[in-house]
């Protein structure tokens, strides 16, 4: 909860939730950051989660579209995110809402 509390107080962070009949069924959160390739900031969609029983019902799409709307409202340059190559269901949705640019991520935990 400490991480979430820190983010909620930061104006570079925003999130949306989806509910069905008062039950939380999905969440998305994003972080806005400067970019060296653009004069406008980027939006990193850090996490998208939809309850398994809700998948395929448009909840993920609606959450991503809400992120796009907020990014436009804030005049951001782009929204981007990462997913695992084996996430077939996610990639099927993401391919309808964004383009895959071929980049591969490398990382090292510090």
C-alpha atoms as a PDB file:
ATOM      1  CA  UNK A   1       0.000   0.000   0.000  1.00  0.00           C
ATOM      2  CA  UNK A   2       2.921   2.363   0.539  1.00  0.00           C
ATOM      3  CA  UNK A   3       3.776   2.296  -3.166  1.00  0.00           C
ATOM      4  CA  UNK A   4       0.161   2.974  -4.122  1.00  0.00           C
ATOM      5  CA  UNK A   5      -0.106   5.855  -1.618  1.00  0.00           C
ATOM      6  CA  UNK A   6       3.068   7.398  -3.054  1.00  0.00           C
ATOM      7  CA  UNK A   7       1.739   7.178  -6.591  1.00  0.00           C
ATOM      8  CA  UNK A   8      -1.730   8.513  -5.819  1.00  0.00           C
ATOM      9  CA  UNK A   9      -0.196  11.744  -4.530  1.00  0.00           C
ATOM     10  CA  UNK A  10       1.912  12.202  -7.662  1.00  0.00           C
ATOM     11  CA  UNK A  11       0.320  14.250 -10.500  1.00  0.00           C
ATOM     12  CA  UNK A  12       2.252  12.152 -13.040  1.00  0.00           C
ATOM     13  CA  UNK A  13       0.223   9.089 -12.029  1.00  0.00           C
ATOM     14  CA  UNK A  14      -3.361   8.311 -12.999  1.00  0.00           C
ATOM     15  CA  UNK A  15      -5.600   5.282 -12.881  1.00  0.00           C
ATOM     16  CA  UNK A  16      -9.049   4.052 -13.843  1.00  0.00           C
ATOM     17  CA  UNK A  17     -11.141   1.222 -12.494  1.00  0.00           C
ATOM     18  CA  UNK A  18     -13.992  -0.738 -14.018  1.00  0.00           C
ATOM     19  CA  UNK A  19     -16.846  -2.103 -11.981  1.00  0.00           C
ATOM     20  CA  UNK A  20     -19.813  -4.296 -12.690  1.00  0.00           C
ATOM     21  CA  UNK A  21     -22.729  -4.079 -10.273  1.00  0.00           C
ATOM     22  CA  UNK A  22     -20.475  -2.486  -7.664  1.00  0.00           C
ATOM     23  CA  UNK A  23     -17.720  -5.110  -7.893  1.00  0.00           C
ATOM     24  CA  UNK A  24     -14.231  -4.139  -9.062  1.00  0.00           C
ATOM     25  CA  UNK A  25     -13.544  -6.031 -12.289  1.00  0.00           C
ATOM     26  CA  UNK A  26     -10.610  -4.147 -13.794  1.00  0.00           C
ATOM     27  CA  UNK A  27      -7.912  -1.579 -13.165  1.00  0.00           C
ATOM     28  CA  UNK A  28      -5.365   0.296 -15.243  1.00  0.00           C
ATOM     29  CA  UNK A  29      -2.691   2.693 -14.054  1.00  0.00           C
ATOM     30  CA  UNK A  30      -0.242   4.886 -15.897  1.00  0.00           C
ATOM     31  CA  UNK A  31       2.773   7.067 -15.321  1.00  0.00           C
ATOM     32  CA  UNK A  32       3.565  10.184 -17.343  1.00  0.00           C
ATOM     33  CA  UNK A  33       7.233  10.874 -18.009  1.00  0.00           C
ATOM     34  CA  UNK A  34       9.436  13.154 -20.119  1.00  0.00           C
ATOM     35  CA  UNK A  35      10.763  11.839 -23.398  1.00  0.00           C
ATOM     36  CA  UNK A  36      13.968  12.651 -25.228  1.00  0.00           C
ATOM     37  CA  UNK A  37      12.435  12.043 -28.663  1.00  0.00           C
ATOM     38  CA  UNK A  38       9.459  14.359 -28.239  1.00  0.00           C
ATOM     39  CA  UNK A  39       8.741  17.771 -26.752  1.00  0.00           C
ATOM     40  CA  UNK A  40       5.588  16.269 -25.244  1.00  0.00           C
ATOM     41  CA  UNK A  41       5.593  13.711 -22.444  1.00  0.00           C
ATOM     42  CA  UNK A  42       4.838  10.007 -22.892  1.00  0.00           C
ATOM     43  CA  UNK A  43       2.326   7.900 -21.011  1.00  0.00           C
ATOM     44  CA  UNK A  44       3.495   4.488 -19.848  1.00  0.00           C
ATOM     45  CA  UNK A  45       0.573   2.160 -19.206  1.00  0.00           C
ATOM     46  CA  UNK A  46       2.207   0.267 -16.387  1.00  0.00           C
ATOM     47  CA  UNK A  47      -0.478  -2.201 -15.467  1.00  0.00           C
ATOM     48  CA  UNK A  48      -3.788  -3.433 -16.856  1.00  0.00           C
ATOM     49  CA  UNK A  49      -5.718  -6.129 -15.064  1.00  0.00           C
ATOM     50  CA  UNK A  50      -9.184  -7.502 -15.769  1.00  0.00           C
ATOM     51  CA  UNK A  51     -10.756 -10.265 -13.682  1.00  0.00           C
ATOM     52  CA  UNK A  52     -10.594 -13.529 -15.665  1.00  0.00           C
ATOM     53  CA  UNK A  53     -14.400 -13.924 -15.722  1.00  0.00           C
ATOM     54  CA  UNK A  54     -14.675 -10.438 -17.283  1.00  0.00           C
ATOM     55  CA  UNK A  55     -12.171 -10.939 -20.080  1.00  0.00           C
ATOM     56  CA  UNK A  56     -13.580 -10.780 -23.590  1.00  0.00           C
ATOM     57  CA  UNK A  57     -16.439  -8.489 -22.527  1.00  0.00           C
ATOM     58  CA  UNK A  58     -14.843  -5.175 -23.524  1.00  0.00           C
ATOM     59  CA  UNK A  59     -13.539  -4.167 -20.098  1.00  0.00           C
ATOM     60  CA  UNK A  60      -9.876  -4.100 -21.113  1.00  0.00           C
ATOM     61  CA  UNK A  61     -10.696  -2.160 -24.263  1.00  0.00           C
ATOM     62  CA  UNK A  62     -12.726   0.379 -22.264  1.00  0.00           C
ATOM     63  CA  UNK A  63      -9.898   0.873 -19.773  1.00  0.00           C
ATOM     64  CA  UNK A  64      -7.328   1.407 -22.532  1.00  0.00           C
ATOM     65  CA  UNK A  65      -9.671   3.821 -24.323  1.00  0.00           C
ATOM     66  CA  UNK A  66     -10.027   5.750 -21.032  1.00  0.00           C
ATOM     67  CA  UNK A  67      -6.230   6.004 -20.892  1.00  0.00           C
ATOM     68  CA  UNK A  68      -6.163   7.293 -24.480  1.00  0.00           C
ATOM     69  CA  UNK A  69      -8.772   9.933 -23.628  1.00  0.00           C
ATOM     70  CA  UNK A  70      -6.825  11.098 -20.589  1.00  0.00           C
ATOM     71  CA  UNK A  71      -3.570  11.167 -22.569  1.00  0.00           C
ATOM     72  CA  UNK A  72      -5.240  13.323 -25.239  1.00  0.00           C
ATOM     73  CA  UNK A  73      -6.666  15.628 -22.559  1.00  0.00           C
ATOM     74  CA  UNK A  74      -3.154  16.088 -21.176  1.00  0.00           C
ATOM     75  CA  UNK A  75      -1.684  16.587 -24.686  1.00  0.00           C
ATOM     76  CA  UNK A  76       0.706  13.660 -24.330  1.00  0.00           C
ATOM     77  CA  UNK A  77       2.648  12.385 -27.321  1.00  0.00           C
ATOM     78  CA  UNK A  78       1.893   8.674 -26.988  1.00  0.00           C
ATOM     79  CA  UNK A  79       0.720   5.827 -24.814  1.00  0.00           C
ATOM     80  CA  UNK A  80       2.842   2.693 -24.712  1.00  0.00           C
ATOM     81  CA  UNK A  81       3.083  -0.508 -22.693  1.00  0.00           C
ATOM     82  CA  UNK A  82       4.823  -3.863 -22.507  1.00  0.00           C
ATOM     83  CA  UNK A  83       3.414  -7.363 -22.484  1.00  0.00           C
ATOM     84  CA  UNK A  84       4.904 -10.808 -22.462  1.00  0.00           C
ATOM     85  CA  UNK A  85       5.235 -12.480 -25.835  1.00  0.00           C
ATOM     86  CA  UNK A  86       3.182 -15.437 -24.557  1.00  0.00           C
ATOM     87  CA  UNK A  87       0.207 -13.242 -23.578  1.00  0.00           C
ATOM     88  CA  UNK A  88      -1.884 -14.296 -26.576  1.00  0.00           C
ATOM     89  CA  UNK A  89      -5.207 -12.957 -25.273  1.00  0.00           C
ATOM     90  CA  UNK A  90      -3.704  -9.600 -24.364  1.00  0.00           C
ATOM     91  CA  UNK A  91      -1.832  -9.313 -27.643  1.00  0.00           C
ATOM     92  CA  UNK A  92      -5.018 -10.040 -29.596  1.00  0.00           C
ATOM     93  CA  UNK A  93      -6.657  -7.051 -27.898  1.00  0.00           C
ATOM     94  CA  UNK A  94      -3.592  -4.806 -28.043  1.00  0.00           C
ATOM     95  CA  UNK A  95      -3.163  -5.425 -31.760  1.00  0.00           C
ATOM     96  CA  UNK A  96      -6.611  -3.895 -32.308  1.00  0.00           C
ATOM     97  CA  UNK A  97      -5.843  -0.803 -30.236  1.00  0.00           C
ATOM     98  CA  UNK A  98      -2.178  -0.038 -30.956  1.00  0.00           C
ATOM     99  CA  UNK A  99       0.695  -1.038 -33.195  1.00  0.00           C
ATOM    100  CA  UNK A 100       3.610  -3.313 -32.352  1.00  0.00           C
ATOM    101  CA  UNK A 101       6.828  -1.465 -33.183  1.00  0.00           C
ATOM    102  CA  UNK A 102       9.228  -4.394 -32.971  1.00  0.00           C
ATOM    103  CA  UNK A 103      11.196  -3.145 -29.971  1.00  0.00           C
ATOM    104  CA  UNK A 104      12.423  -5.707 -27.449  1.00  0.00           C
ATOM    105  CA  UNK A 105      12.988  -4.797 -23.819  1.00  0.00           C
ATOM    106  CA  UNK A 106      16.174  -5.631 -21.925  1.00  0.00           C
ATOM    107  CA  UNK A 107      16.468  -5.054 -18.193  1.00  0.00           C
ATOM    108  CA  UNK A 108      18.699  -5.568 -15.211  1.00  0.00           C
ATOM    109  CA  UNK A 109      17.413  -5.453 -11.647  1.00  0.00           C
ATOM    110  CA  UNK A 110      19.491  -3.184  -9.406  1.00  0.00           C
END
